[in-house]
Full PDB file with SEQRES, HELIX, SHEET, SSBOND, CRYST1, ORIGX, SCALE, CONECT and MASTER records, all heavy atoms in Angstrom:
SEQRES   1 A   45  LYS VAL VAL THR TYR GLU LEU PRO THR ALA ASP THR PRO          
SEQRES   2 A   45  ASN LEU THR GLU PRO GLN LYS LEU VAL VAL GLN PHE VAL          
SEQRES   3 A   45  ALA LYS VAL SER LYS HIS LEU SER ALA THR THR SER ALA          
SEQRES   4 A   45  TYR ASN LEU SER THR HIS                                      
HELIX    1 AA1 GLU A   17  LEU A   33  1                                  17    
SHEET    1 AA1 2 VAL A   2  TYR A   5  0                                        
SHEET    2 AA1 2 THR A  37  TYR A  40  1                                        
CRYST1    1.000    1.000    1.000  90.00  90.00  90.00 P 1           1          
ORIGX1      1.000000  0.000000  0.000000        0.00000                         
ORIGX2      0.000000  1.000000  0.000000        0.00000                         
ORIGX3      0.000000  0.000000  1.000000        0.00000                         
SCALE1      1.000000  0.000000  0.000000        0.00000                         
SCALE2      0.000000  1.000000  0.000000        0.00000                         
SCALE3      0.000000  0.000000  1.000000        0.00000                         
ATOM      1  N   LYS A   1       0.842  -1.193   0.000  1.00  0.00           N  
ATOM      2  CA  LYS A   1       0.000   0.000   0.000  1.00  0.00           C  
ATOM      3  C   LYS A   1       0.880   1.247   0.000  1.00  0.00           C  
ATOM      4  O   LYS A   1       1.836   1.335   0.765  1.00  0.00           O  
ATOM      5  CB  LYS A   1      -0.902   0.034   1.237  1.00  0.00           C  
ATOM      6  CG  LYS A   1      -1.935  -1.072   1.321  1.00  0.00           C  
ATOM      7  CD  LYS A   1      -2.785  -0.921   2.585  1.00  0.00           C  
ATOM      8  CE  LYS A   1      -3.814  -2.035   2.702  1.00  0.00           C  
ATOM      9  NZ  LYS A   1      -4.625  -1.896   3.935  1.00  0.00           N  
ATOM     10  N   VAL A   2       0.562   2.193  -0.877  1.00  0.00           N  
ATOM     11  CA  VAL A   2       1.204   3.504  -0.889  1.00  0.00           C  
ATOM     12  C   VAL A   2       0.147   4.532  -0.518  1.00  0.00           C  
ATOM     13  O   VAL A   2      -0.902   4.616  -1.157  1.00  0.00           O  
ATOM     14  CB  VAL A   2       1.798   3.828  -2.274  1.00  0.00           C  
ATOM     15  CG1 VAL A   2       2.263   5.275  -2.332  1.00  0.00           C  
ATOM     16  CG2 VAL A   2       2.957   2.888  -2.588  1.00  0.00           C  
ATOM     17  N   VAL A   3       0.429   5.286   0.532  1.00  0.00           N  
ATOM     18  CA  VAL A   3      -0.496   6.318   0.998  1.00  0.00           C  
ATOM     19  C   VAL A   3       0.166   7.673   0.790  1.00  0.00           C  
ATOM     20  O   VAL A   3       1.312   7.887   1.226  1.00  0.00           O  
ATOM     21  CB  VAL A   3      -0.842   6.113   2.486  1.00  0.00           C  
ATOM     22  CG1 VAL A   3      -1.699   7.267   2.995  1.00  0.00           C  
ATOM     23  CG2 VAL A   3      -1.564   4.790   2.691  1.00  0.00           C  
ATOM     24  N   THR A   4      -0.515   8.574   0.114  1.00  0.00           N  
ATOM     25  CA  THR A   4       0.025   9.908  -0.135  1.00  0.00           C  
ATOM     26  C   THR A   4      -0.700  10.929   0.732  1.00  0.00           C  
ATOM     27  O   THR A   4      -1.894  10.798   1.002  1.00  0.00           O  
ATOM     28  CB  THR A   4      -0.109  10.305  -1.609  1.00  0.00           C  
ATOM     29  OG1 THR A   4      -1.499  10.394  -1.955  1.00  0.00           O  
ATOM     30  CG2 THR A   4       0.559   9.279  -2.505  1.00  0.00           C  
ATOM     31  N   TYR A   5       0.032  11.940   1.149  1.00  0.00           N  
ATOM     32  CA  TYR A   5      -0.547  12.968   2.017  1.00  0.00           C  
ATOM     33  C   TYR A   5      -0.305  14.346   1.405  1.00  0.00           C  
ATOM     34  O   TYR A   5       0.841  14.787   1.265  1.00  0.00           O  
ATOM     35  CB  TYR A   5       0.084  12.887   3.409  1.00  0.00           C  
ATOM     36  CG  TYR A   5      -0.478  13.875   4.398  1.00  0.00           C  
ATOM     37  CD1 TYR A   5      -1.838  13.918   4.685  1.00  0.00           C  
ATOM     38  CD2 TYR A   5       0.360  14.775   5.058  1.00  0.00           C  
ATOM     39  CE1 TYR A   5      -2.346  14.819   5.613  1.00  0.00           C  
ATOM     40  CE2 TYR A   5      -0.135  15.684   5.981  1.00  0.00           C  
ATOM     41  CZ  TYR A   5      -1.495  15.692   6.259  1.00  0.00           C  
ATOM     42  OH  TYR A   5      -2.004  16.591   7.168  1.00  0.00           O  
ATOM     43  N   GLU A   6      -1.396  14.980   0.982  1.00  0.00           N  
ATOM     44  CA  GLU A   6      -1.368  16.336   0.415  1.00  0.00           C  
ATOM     45  C   GLU A   6      -0.414  16.437  -0.771  1.00  0.00           C  
ATOM     46  O   GLU A   6       0.272  17.444  -0.953  1.00  0.00           O  
ATOM     47  CB  GLU A   6      -0.995  17.359   1.497  1.00  0.00           C  
ATOM     48  CG  GLU A   6      -2.006  17.417   2.635  1.00  0.00           C  
ATOM     49  CD  GLU A   6      -1.652  18.448   3.700  1.00  0.00           C  
ATOM     50  OE1 GLU A   6      -0.500  18.945   3.700  1.00  0.00           O  
ATOM     51  OE2 GLU A   6      -2.518  18.772   4.533  1.00  0.00           O  
ATOM     52  N   LEU A   7      -0.373  15.388  -1.595  1.00  0.00           N  
ATOM     53  CA  LEU A   7       0.464  15.400  -2.788  1.00  0.00           C  
ATOM     54  C   LEU A   7      -0.375  15.675  -4.031  1.00  0.00           C  
ATOM     55  O   LEU A   7      -1.559  15.321  -4.087  1.00  0.00           O  
ATOM     56  CB  LEU A   7       1.185  14.049  -2.952  1.00  0.00           C  
ATOM     57  CG  LEU A   7       2.253  13.693  -1.932  1.00  0.00           C  
ATOM     58  CD1 LEU A   7       2.969  12.410  -2.346  1.00  0.00           C  
ATOM     59  CD2 LEU A   7       3.259  14.826  -1.755  1.00  0.00           C  
ATOM     60  N   PRO A   8       0.221  16.295  -5.043  1.00  0.00           N  
ATOM     61  CA  PRO A   8      -0.505  16.507  -6.300  1.00  0.00           C  
ATOM     62  C   PRO A   8      -0.718  15.177  -7.016  1.00  0.00           C  
ATOM     63  O   PRO A   8      -0.042  14.179  -6.740  1.00  0.00           O  
ATOM     64  CB  PRO A   8       0.438  17.412  -7.091  1.00  0.00           C  
ATOM     65  CG  PRO A   8       1.811  17.079  -6.565  1.00  0.00           C  
ATOM     66  CD  PRO A   8       1.611  16.790  -5.111  1.00  0.00           C  
ATOM     67  N   THR A   9      -1.654  15.163  -7.919  1.00  0.00           N  
ATOM     68  CA  THR A   9      -1.904  13.997  -8.763  1.00  0.00           C  
ATOM     69  C   THR A   9      -1.806  14.417 -10.221  1.00  0.00           C  
ATOM     70  O   THR A   9      -1.662  15.610 -10.538  1.00  0.00           O  
ATOM     71  CB  THR A   9      -3.296  13.403  -8.496  1.00  0.00           C  
ATOM     72  OG1 THR A   9      -4.297  14.346  -8.929  1.00  0.00           O  
ATOM     73  CG2 THR A   9      -3.484  13.112  -7.004  1.00  0.00           C  
ATOM     74  N   ALA A  10      -1.904  13.447 -11.110  1.00  0.00           N  
ATOM     75  CA  ALA A  10      -1.821  13.746 -12.539  1.00  0.00           C  
ATOM     76  C   ALA A  10      -2.952  14.674 -12.975  1.00  0.00           C  
ATOM     77  O   ALA A  10      -2.828  15.376 -13.987  1.00  0.00           O  
ATOM     78  CB  ALA A  10      -1.860  12.451 -13.345  1.00  0.00           C  
ATOM     79  N   ASP A  11      -4.048  14.706 -12.214  1.00  0.00           N  
ATOM     80  CA  ASP A  11      -5.194  15.548 -12.564  1.00  0.00           C  
ATOM     81  C   ASP A  11      -5.112  16.948 -11.972  1.00  0.00           C  
ATOM     82  O   ASP A  11      -5.965  17.790 -12.264  1.00  0.00           O  
ATOM     83  CB  ASP A  11      -6.490  14.881 -12.072  1.00  0.00           C  
ATOM     84  CG  ASP A  11      -6.732  13.544 -12.750  1.00  0.00           C  
ATOM     85  OD1 ASP A  11      -6.326  13.395 -13.918  1.00  0.00           O  
ATOM     86  OD2 ASP A  11      -7.306  12.651 -12.095  1.00  0.00           O  
ATOM     87  N   THR A  12      -4.117  17.205 -11.150  1.00  0.00           N  
ATOM     88  CA  THR A  12      -3.967  18.537 -10.552  1.00  0.00           C  
ATOM     89  C   THR A  12      -3.670  19.564 -11.650  1.00  0.00           C  
ATOM     90  O   THR A  12      -2.745  19.368 -12.442  1.00  0.00           O  
ATOM     91  CB  THR A  12      -2.836  18.544  -9.514  1.00  0.00           C  
ATOM     92  OG1 THR A  12      -3.116  17.576  -8.502  1.00  0.00           O  
ATOM     93  CG2 THR A  12      -2.693  19.918  -8.882  1.00  0.00           C  
ATOM     94  N   PRO A  13      -4.460  20.650 -11.721  1.00  0.00           N  
ATOM     95  CA  PRO A  13      -4.216  21.648 -12.786  1.00  0.00           C  
ATOM     96  C   PRO A  13      -2.922  22.428 -12.568  1.00  0.00           C  
ATOM     97  O   PRO A  13      -2.491  22.643 -11.430  1.00  0.00           O  
ATOM     98  CB  PRO A  13      -5.438  22.577 -12.666  1.00  0.00           C  
ATOM     99  CG  PRO A  13      -5.928  22.401 -11.264  1.00  0.00           C  
ATOM    100  CD  PRO A  13      -5.628  20.986 -10.883  1.00  0.00           C  
ATOM    101  N   ASN A  14      -2.304  22.803 -13.673  1.00  0.00           N  
ATOM    102  CA  ASN A  14      -1.124  23.681 -13.663  1.00  0.00           C  
ATOM    103  C   ASN A  14       0.009  23.138 -12.774  1.00  0.00           C  
ATOM    104  O   ASN A  14       0.562  23.841 -11.928  1.00  0.00           O  
ATOM    105  CB  ASN A  14      -1.507  25.092 -13.199  1.00  0.00           C  
ATOM    106  CG  ASN A  14      -2.591  25.704 -14.053  1.00  0.00           C  
ATOM    107  OD1 ASN A  14      -2.556  25.612 -15.289  1.00  0.00           O  
ATOM    108  ND2 ASN A  14      -3.576  26.326 -13.413  1.00  0.00           N  
ATOM    109  N   LEU A  15       0.350  21.887 -12.985  1.00  0.00           N  
ATOM    110  CA  LEU A  15       1.423  21.282 -12.214  1.00  0.00           C  
ATOM    111  C   LEU A  15       2.755  22.001 -12.456  1.00  0.00           C  
ATOM    112  O   LEU A  15       3.110  22.311 -13.601  1.00  0.00           O  
ATOM    113  CB  LEU A  15       1.585  19.811 -12.590  1.00  0.00           C  
ATOM    114  CG  LEU A  15       0.537  18.820 -12.084  1.00  0.00           C  
ATOM    115  CD1 LEU A  15       0.750  17.463 -12.737  1.00  0.00           C  
ATOM    116  CD2 LEU A  15       0.609  18.698 -10.571  1.00  0.00           C  
ATOM    117  N   THR A  16       3.468  22.284 -11.398  1.00  0.00           N  
ATOM    118  CA  THR A  16       4.821  22.833 -11.541  1.00  0.00           C  
ATOM    119  C   THR A  16       5.781  21.704 -11.895  1.00  0.00           C  
ATOM    120  O   THR A  16       5.450  20.521 -11.779  1.00  0.00           O  
ATOM    121  CB  THR A  16       5.280  23.492 -10.232  1.00  0.00           C  
ATOM    122  OG1 THR A  16       5.372  22.490  -9.213  1.00  0.00           O  
ATOM    123  CG2 THR A  16       4.296  24.572  -9.785  1.00  0.00           C  
ATOM    124  N   GLU A  17       6.996  22.050 -12.309  1.00  0.00           N  
ATOM    125  CA  GLU A  17       7.974  21.019 -12.651  1.00  0.00           C  
ATOM    126  C   GLU A  17       8.310  20.119 -11.460  1.00  0.00           C  
ATOM    127  O   GLU A  17       8.369  18.890 -11.611  1.00  0.00           O  
ATOM    128  CB  GLU A  17       9.242  21.668 -13.223  1.00  0.00           C  
ATOM    129  CG  GLU A  17       9.055  22.304 -14.597  1.00  0.00           C  
ATOM    130  CD  GLU A  17       8.505  21.320 -15.624  1.00  0.00           C  
ATOM    131  OE1 GLU A  17       9.046  20.188 -15.710  1.00  0.00           O  
ATOM    132  OE2 GLU A  17       7.540  21.657 -16.329  1.00  0.00           O  
ATOM    133  N   PRO A  18       8.517  20.686 -10.255  1.00  0.00           N  
ATOM    134  CA  PRO A  18       8.732  19.789  -9.111  1.00  0.00           C  
ATOM    135  C   PRO A  18       7.541  18.873  -8.851  1.00  0.00           C  
ATOM    136  O   PRO A  18       7.723  17.698  -8.516  1.00  0.00           O  
ATOM    137  CB  PRO A  18       8.960  20.749  -7.939  1.00  0.00           C  
ATOM    138  CG  PRO A  18       9.449  22.008  -8.570  1.00  0.00           C  
ATOM    139  CD  PRO A  18       8.728  22.091  -9.868  1.00  0.00           C  
ATOM    140  N   GLN A  19       6.333  19.381  -9.008  1.00  0.00           N  
ATOM    141  CA  GLN A  19       5.147  18.557  -8.780  1.00  0.00           C  
ATOM    142  C   GLN A  19       5.048  17.426  -9.800  1.00  0.00           C  
ATOM    143  O   GLN A  19       4.635  16.309  -9.461  1.00  0.00           O  
ATOM    144  CB  GLN A  19       3.882  19.421  -8.834  1.00  0.00           C  
ATOM    145  CG  GLN A  19       3.704  20.332  -7.630  1.00  0.00           C  
ATOM    146  CD  GLN A  19       2.489  21.222  -7.757  1.00  0.00           C  
ATOM    147  OE1 GLN A  19       2.129  21.668  -8.860  1.00  0.00           O  
ATOM    148  NE2 GLN A  19       1.854  21.513  -6.635  1.00  0.00           N  
ATOM    149  N   LYS A  20       5.439  17.685 -11.039  1.00  0.00           N  
ATOM    150  CA  LYS A  20       5.426  16.636 -12.055  1.00  0.00           C  
ATOM    151  C   LYS A  20       6.374  15.496 -11.662  1.00  0.00           C  
ATOM    152  O   LYS A  20       6.042  14.316 -11.831  1.00  0.00           O  
ATOM    153  CB  LYS A  20       5.836  17.207 -13.415  1.00  0.00           C  
ATOM    154  CG  LYS A  20       4.815  18.160 -14.024  1.00  0.00           C  
ATOM    155  CD  LYS A  20       5.335  18.730 -15.348  1.00  0.00           C  
ATOM    156  CE  LYS A  20       4.346  19.737 -15.926  1.00  0.00           C  
ATOM    157  NZ  LYS A  20       4.872  20.351 -17.188  1.00  0.00           N  
ATOM    158  N   LEU A  21       7.544  15.853 -11.124  1.00  0.00           N  
ATOM    159  CA  LEU A  21       8.481  14.824 -10.679  1.00  0.00           C  
ATOM    160  C   LEU A  21       7.889  14.003  -9.536  1.00  0.00           C  
ATOM    161  O   LEU A  21       8.084  12.787  -9.468  1.00  0.00           O  
ATOM    162  CB  LEU A  21       9.800  15.468 -10.235  1.00  0.00           C  
ATOM    163  CG  LEU A  21      10.732  15.989 -11.330  1.00  0.00           C  
ATOM    164  CD1 LEU A  21      11.984  16.603 -10.722  1.00  0.00           C  
ATOM    165  CD2 LEU A  21      11.133  14.870 -12.286  1.00  0.00           C  
ATOM    166  N   VAL A  22       7.175  14.671  -8.646  1.00  0.00           N  
ATOM    167  CA  VAL A  22       6.561  13.971  -7.520  1.00  0.00           C  
ATOM    168  C   VAL A  22       5.496  12.996  -8.012  1.00  0.00           C  
ATOM    169  O   VAL A  22       5.432  11.838  -7.576  1.00  0.00           O  
ATOM    170  CB  VAL A  22       5.961  14.975  -6.513  1.00  0.00           C  
ATOM    171  CG1 VAL A  22       5.124  14.249  -5.462  1.00  0.00           C  
ATOM    172  CG2 VAL A  22       7.057  15.793  -5.853  1.00  0.00           C  
ATOM    173  N   VAL A  23       4.649  13.447  -8.926  1.00  0.00           N  
ATOM    174  CA  VAL A  23       3.594  12.588  -9.480  1.00  0.00           C  
ATOM    175  C   VAL A  23       4.218  11.359 -10.150  1.00  0.00           C  
ATOM    176  O   VAL A  23       3.758  10.214  -9.965  1.00  0.00           O  
ATOM    177  CB  VAL A  23       2.719  13.382 -10.468  1.00  0.00           C  
ATOM    178  CG1 VAL A  23       1.789  12.444 -11.235  1.00  0.00           C  
ATOM    179  CG2 VAL A  23       1.911  14.443  -9.731  1.00  0.00           C  
ATOM    180  N   GLN A  24       5.269  11.579 -10.924  1.00  0.00           N  
ATOM    181  CA  GLN A  24       5.940  10.461 -11.594  1.00  0.00           C  
ATOM    182  C   GLN A  24       6.567   9.501 -10.594  1.00  0.00           C  
ATOM    183  O   GLN A  24       6.509   8.281 -10.760  1.00  0.00           O  
ATOM    184  CB  GLN A  24       7.015  11.005 -12.545  1.00  0.00           C  
ATOM    185  CG  GLN A  24       6.462  11.803 -13.715  1.00  0.00           C  
ATOM    186  CD  GLN A  24       7.539  12.572 -14.454  1.00  0.00           C  
ATOM    187  OE1 GLN A  24       8.738  12.411 -14.199  1.00  0.00           O  
ATOM    188  NE2 GLN A  24       7.136  13.433 -15.385  1.00  0.00           N  
ATOM    189  N   PHE A  25       7.131  10.046  -9.545  1.00  0.00           N  
ATOM    190  CA  PHE A  25       7.772   9.204  -8.528  1.00  0.00           C  
ATOM    191  C   PHE A  25       6.740   8.316  -7.829  1.00  0.00           C  
ATOM    192  O   PHE A  25       6.980   7.117  -7.637  1.00  0.00           O  
ATOM    193  CB  PHE A  25       8.495  10.082  -7.510  1.00  0.00           C  
ATOM    194  CG  PHE A  25       9.135   9.319  -6.390  1.00  0.00           C  
ATOM    195  CD1 PHE A  25      10.299   8.590  -6.599  1.00  0.00           C  
ATOM    196  CD2 PHE A  25       8.574   9.314  -5.113  1.00  0.00           C  
ATOM    197  CE1 PHE A  25      10.895   7.878  -5.567  1.00  0.00           C  
ATOM    198  CE2 PHE A  25       9.158   8.604  -4.074  1.00  0.00           C  
ATOM    199  CZ  PHE A  25      10.320   7.888  -4.305  1.00  0.00           C  
ATOM    200  N   VAL A  26       5.617   8.886  -7.440  1.00  0.00           N  
ATOM    201  CA  VAL A  26       4.575   8.105  -6.779  1.00  0.00           C  
ATOM    202  C   VAL A  26       4.137   6.952  -7.678  1.00  0.00           C  
ATOM    203  O   VAL A  26       3.981   5.802  -7.228  1.00  0.00           O  
ATOM    204  CB  VAL A  26       3.374   8.994  -6.396  1.00  0.00           C  
ATOM    205  CG1 VAL A  26       2.216   8.138  -5.885  1.00  0.00           C  
ATOM    206  CG2 VAL A  26       3.783  10.015  -5.347  1.00  0.00           C  
ATOM    207  N   ALA A  27       3.956   7.238  -8.961  1.00  0.00           N  
ATOM    208  CA  ALA A  27       3.521   6.193  -9.897  1.00  0.00           C  
ATOM    209  C   ALA A  27       4.573   5.089 -10.016  1.00  0.00           C  
ATOM    210  O   ALA A  27       4.238   3.894 -10.045  1.00  0.00           O  
ATOM    211  CB  ALA A  27       3.235   6.813 -11.264  1.00  0.00           C  
ATOM    212  N   LYS A  28       5.842   5.468 -10.067  1.00  0.00           N  
ATOM    213  CA  LYS A  28       6.907   4.475 -10.202  1.00  0.00           C  
ATOM    214  C   LYS A  28       7.050   3.613  -8.946  1.00  0.00           C  
ATOM    215  O   LYS A  28       7.275   2.407  -9.031  1.00  0.00           O  
ATOM    216  CB  LYS A  28       8.238   5.175 -10.511  1.00  0.00           C  
ATOM    217  CG  LYS A  28       8.300   5.804 -11.902  1.00  0.00           C  
ATOM    218  CD  LYS A  28       9.607   6.554 -12.108  1.00  0.00           C  
ATOM    219  CE  LYS A  28       9.659   7.193 -13.489  1.00  0.00           C  
ATOM    220  NZ  LYS A  28      10.911   7.980 -13.687  1.00  0.00           N  
ATOM    221  N   VAL A  29       6.919   4.237  -7.783  1.00  0.00           N  
ATOM    222  CA  VAL A  29       7.000   3.465  -6.540  1.00  0.00           C  
ATOM    223  C   VAL A  29       5.842   2.486  -6.440  1.00  0.00           C  
ATOM    224  O   VAL A  29       6.015   1.316  -6.084  1.00  0.00           O  
ATOM    225  CB  VAL A  29       7.026   4.408  -5.318  1.00  0.00           C  
ATOM    226  CG1 VAL A  29       6.916   3.610  -4.013  1.00  0.00           C  
ATOM    227  CG2 VAL A  29       8.302   5.240  -5.312  1.00  0.00           C  
ATOM    228  N   SER A  30       4.646   2.954  -6.764  1.00  0.00           N  
ATOM    229  CA  SER A  30       3.464   2.089  -6.715  1.00  0.00           C  
ATOM    230  C   SER A  30       3.619   0.904  -7.665  1.00  0.00           C  
ATOM    231  O   SER A  30       3.297  -0.243  -7.321  1.00  0.00           O  
ATOM    232  CB  SER A  30       2.211   2.887  -7.052  1.00  0.00           C  
ATOM    233  OG  SER A  30       1.998   3.921  -6.113  1.00  0.00           O  
ATOM    234  N   LYS A  31       4.134   1.167  -8.858  1.00  0.00           N  
ATOM    235  CA  LYS A  31       4.335   0.093  -9.827  1.00  0.00           C  
ATOM    236  C   LYS A  31       5.397  -0.878  -9.340  1.00  0.00           C  
ATOM    237  O   LYS A  31       5.252  -2.097  -9.471  1.00  0.00           O  
ATOM    238  CB  LYS A  31       4.728   0.683 -11.185  1.00  0.00           C  
ATOM    239  CG  LYS A  31       4.921  -0.367 -12.268  1.00  0.00           C  
ATOM    240  CD  LYS A  31       5.267   0.279 -13.601  1.00  0.00           C  
ATOM    241  CE  LYS A  31       5.465  -0.780 -14.686  1.00  0.00           C  
ATOM    242  NZ  LYS A  31       5.825  -0.158 -15.989  1.00  0.00           N  
ATOM    243  N   HIS A  32       6.487  -0.337  -8.777  1.00  0.00           N  
ATOM    244  CA  HIS A  32       7.570  -1.196  -8.285  1.00  0.00           C  
ATOM    245  C   HIS A  32       7.072  -2.136  -7.198  1.00  0.00           C  
ATOM    246  O   HIS A  32       7.486  -3.308  -7.133  1.00  0.00           O  
ATOM    247  CB  HIS A  32       8.710  -0.332  -7.746  1.00  0.00           C  
ATOM    248  CG  HIS A  32       9.882  -1.107  -7.238  1.00  0.00           C  
ATOM    249  ND1 HIS A  32      10.869  -1.598  -8.060  1.00  0.00           N  
ATOM    250  CD2 HIS A  32      10.216  -1.501  -5.969  1.00  0.00           C  
ATOM    251  CE1 HIS A  32      11.766  -2.245  -7.343  1.00  0.00           C  
ATOM    252  NE2 HIS A  32      11.394  -2.208  -6.068  1.00  0.00           N  
ATOM    253  N   LEU A  33       6.187  -1.654  -6.346  1.00  0.00           N  
ATOM    254  CA  LEU A  33       5.669  -2.451  -5.241  1.00  0.00           C  
ATOM    255  C   LEU A  33       4.415  -3.234  -5.612  1.00  0.00           C  
ATOM    256  O   LEU A  33       3.917  -4.017  -4.780  1.00  0.00           O  
ATOM    257  CB  LEU A  33       5.343  -1.542  -4.043  1.00  0.00           C  
ATOM    258  CG  LEU A  33       6.524  -0.865  -3.344  1.00  0.00           C  
ATOM    259  CD1 LEU A  33       6.012   0.128  -2.300  1.00  0.00           C  
ATOM    260  CD2 LEU A  33       7.421  -1.904  -2.683  1.00  0.00           C  
ATOM    261  N   SER A  34       3.907  -3.011  -6.833  1.00  0.00           N  
ATOM    262  CA  SER A  34       2.597  -3.572  -7.215  1.00  0.00           C  
ATOM    263  C   SER A  34       1.562  -3.204  -6.146  1.00  0.00           C  
ATOM    264  O   SER A  34       0.786  -4.036  -5.661  1.00  0.00           O  
ATOM    265  CB  SER A  34       2.672  -5.096  -7.376  1.00  0.00           C  
ATOM    266  OG  SER A  34       3.594  -5.442  -8.374  1.00  0.00           O  
ATOM    267  N   ALA A  35       1.587  -1.932  -5.758  1.00  0.00           N  
ATOM    268  CA  ALA A  35       0.813  -1.460  -4.616  1.00  0.00           C  
ATOM    269  C   ALA A  35      -0.416  -0.673  -5.044  1.00  0.00           C  
ATOM    270  O   ALA A  35      -0.459  -0.082  -6.122  1.00  0.00           O  
ATOM    271  CB  ALA A  35       1.691  -0.583  -3.728  1.00  0.00           C  
ATOM    272  N   THR A  36      -1.405  -0.653  -4.162  1.00  0.00           N  
ATOM    273  CA  THR A  36      -2.533   0.258  -4.322  1.00  0.00           C  
ATOM    274  C   THR A  36      -2.106   1.631  -3.820  1.00  0.00           C  
ATOM    275  O   THR A  36      -1.239   1.749  -2.943  1.00  0.00           O  
ATOM    276  CB  THR A  36      -3.742  -0.221  -3.510  1.00  0.00           C  
ATOM    277  OG1 THR A  36      -3.377  -0.267  -2.112  1.00  0.00           O  
ATOM    278  CG2 THR A  36      -4.189  -1.598  -3.961  1.00  0.00           C  
ATOM    279  N   THR A  37      -2.690   2.675  -4.383  1.00  0.00           N  
ATOM    280  CA  THR A  37      -2.348   4.034  -3.988  1.00  0.00           C  
ATOM    281  C   THR A  37      -3.608   4.759  -3.539  1.00  0.00           C  
ATOM    282  O   THR A  37      -4.633   4.718  -4.226  1.00  0.00           O  
ATOM    283  CB  THR A  37      -1.704   4.803  -5.152  1.00  0.00           C  
ATOM    284  OG1 THR A  37      -0.563   4.074  -5.624  1.00  0.00           O  
ATOM    285  CG2 THR A  37      -1.267   6.188  -4.715  1.00  0.00           C  
ATOM    286  N   SER A  38      -3.512   5.434  -2.403  1.00  0.00           N  
ATOM    287  CA  SER A  38      -4.664   6.186  -1.898  1.00  0.00           C  
ATOM    288  C   SER A  38      -4.189   7.460  -1.234  1.00  0.00           C  
ATOM    289  O   SER A  38      -3.060   7.528  -0.721  1.00  0.00           O  
ATOM    290  CB  SER A  38      -5.467   5.337  -0.902  1.00  0.00           C  
ATOM    291  OG  SER A  38      -4.667   4.977   0.205  1.00  0.00           O  
ATOM    292  N   ALA A  39      -5.046   8.463  -1.266  1.00  0.00           N  
ATOM    293  CA  ALA A  39      -4.736   9.741  -0.621  1.00  0.00           C  
ATOM    294  C   ALA A  39      -5.254   9.721   0.815  1.00  0.00           C  
ATOM    295  O   ALA A  39      -6.318   9.159   1.091  1.00  0.00           O  
ATOM    296  CB  ALA A  39      -5.360  10.891  -1.396  1.00  0.00           C  
ATOM    297  N   TYR A  40      -4.523  10.319   1.694  1.00  0.00           N  
ATOM    298  CA  TYR A  40      -4.873  10.315   3.118  1.00  0.00           C  
ATOM    299  C   TYR A  40      -5.350  11.690   3.549  1.00  0.00           C  
ATOM    300  O   TYR A  40      -4.747  12.707   3.190  1.00  0.00           O  
ATOM    301  CB  TYR A  40      -3.658   9.900   3.946  1.00  0.00           C  
ATOM    302  CG  TYR A  40      -3.920   9.805   5.429  1.00  0.00           C  
ATOM    303  CD1 TYR A  40      -4.715   8.787   5.944  1.00  0.00           C  
ATOM    304  CD2 TYR A  40      -3.367  10.731   6.318  1.00  0.00           C  
ATOM    305  CE1 TYR A  40      -4.948   8.680   7.310  1.00  0.00           C  
ATOM    306  CE2 TYR A  40      -3.589  10.633   7.679  1.00  0.00           C  
ATOM    307  CZ  TYR A  40      -4.384   9.611   8.175  1.00  0.00           C  
ATOM    308  OH  TYR A  40      -4.625   9.518   9.520  1.00  0.00           O  
ATOM    309  N   ASN A  41      -6.433  11.709   4.354  1.00  0.00           N  
ATOM    310  CA  ASN A  41      -6.960  12.951   4.913  1.00  0.00           C  
ATOM    311  C   ASN A  41      -6.877  12.843   6.431  1.00  0.00           C  
ATOM    312  O   ASN A  41      -7.666  12.138   7.066  1.00  0.00           O  
ATOM    313  CB  ASN A  41      -8.407  13.183   4.469  1.00  0.00           C  
ATOM    314  CG  ASN A  41      -8.917  14.556   4.873  1.00  0.00           C  
ATOM    315  OD1 ASN A  41      -8.864  14.924   6.036  1.00  0.00           O  
ATOM    316  ND2 ASN A  41      -9.421  15.298   3.896  1.00  0.00           N  
ATOM    317  N   LEU A  42      -5.909  13.522   7.011  1.00  0.00           N  
ATOM    318  CA  LEU A  42      -5.678  13.423   8.450  1.00  0.00           C  
ATOM    319  C   LEU A  42      -6.848  13.984   9.253  1.00  0.00           C  
ATOM    320  O   LEU A  42      -7.273  13.386  10.252  1.00  0.00           O  
ATOM    321  CB  LEU A  42      -4.379  14.152   8.813  1.00  0.00           C  
ATOM    322  CG  LEU A  42      -4.023  14.233  10.297  1.00  0.00           C  
ATOM    323  CD1 LEU A  42      -3.938  12.850  10.923  1.00  0.00           C  
ATOM    324  CD2 LEU A  42      -2.706  14.983  10.492  1.00  0.00           C  
ATOM    325  N   SER A  43      -7.382  15.116   8.825  1.00  0.00           N  
ATOM    326  CA  SER A  43      -8.484  15.741   9.569  1.00  0.00           C  
ATOM    327  C   SER A  43      -9.694  14.815   9.648  1.00  0.00           C  
ATOM    328  O   SER A  43     -10.286  14.617  10.721  1.00  0.00           O  
ATOM    329  CB  SER A  43      -8.873  17.066   8.910  1.00  0.00           C  
ATOM    330  OG  SER A  43      -7.805  17.975   8.939  1.00  0.00           O  
ATOM    331  N   THR A  44     -10.047  14.227   8.511  1.00  0.00           N  
ATOM    332  CA  THR A  44     -11.217  13.343   8.481  1.00  0.00           C  
ATOM    333  C   THR A  44     -10.972  12.076   9.296  1.00  0.00           C  
ATOM    334  O   THR A  44     -11.818  11.643  10.081  1.00  0.00           O  
ATOM    335  CB  THR A  44     -11.553  12.968   7.027  1.00  0.00           C  
ATOM    336  OG1 THR A  44     -11.844  14.171   6.299  1.00  0.00           O  
ATOM    337  CG2 THR A  44     -12.740  12.036   6.968  1.00  0.00           C  
ATOM    338  N   HIS A  45      -9.799  11.479   9.118  1.00  0.00           N  
ATOM    339  CA  HIS A  45      -9.495  10.241   9.827  1.00  0.00           C  
ATOM    340  C   HIS A  45      -9.480  10.454  11.338  1.00  0.00           C  
ATOM    341  O   HIS A  45     -10.006   9.640  12.112  1.00  0.00           O  
ATOM    342  CB  HIS A  45      -8.156   9.684   9.350  1.00  0.00           C  
ATOM    343  CG  HIS A  45      -7.919   8.272   9.771  1.00  0.00           C  
ATOM    344  ND1 HIS A  45      -6.655   7.736   9.898  1.00  0.00           N  
ATOM    345  CD2 HIS A  45      -8.769   7.275  10.115  1.00  0.00           C  
ATOM    346  CE1 HIS A  45      -6.738   6.479  10.277  1.00  0.00           C  
ATOM    347  NE2 HIS A  45      -8.019   6.169  10.420  1.00  0.00           N  
TER     348      HIS A  45                                                      
MASTER        0    0    0    1    2    0    0    6  347    1    0    4          
END                                                                             
């Protein structure tokens, strides 16, 4: 399982260059682990 916290996604509008690298990294880690990916909301949890 890969859990992301307040990270941009591929659907985030107007991604900056650093954000694009982050999105790509999350995807590569998830693929490497054959993991599910979900966003975490601390306030709600």
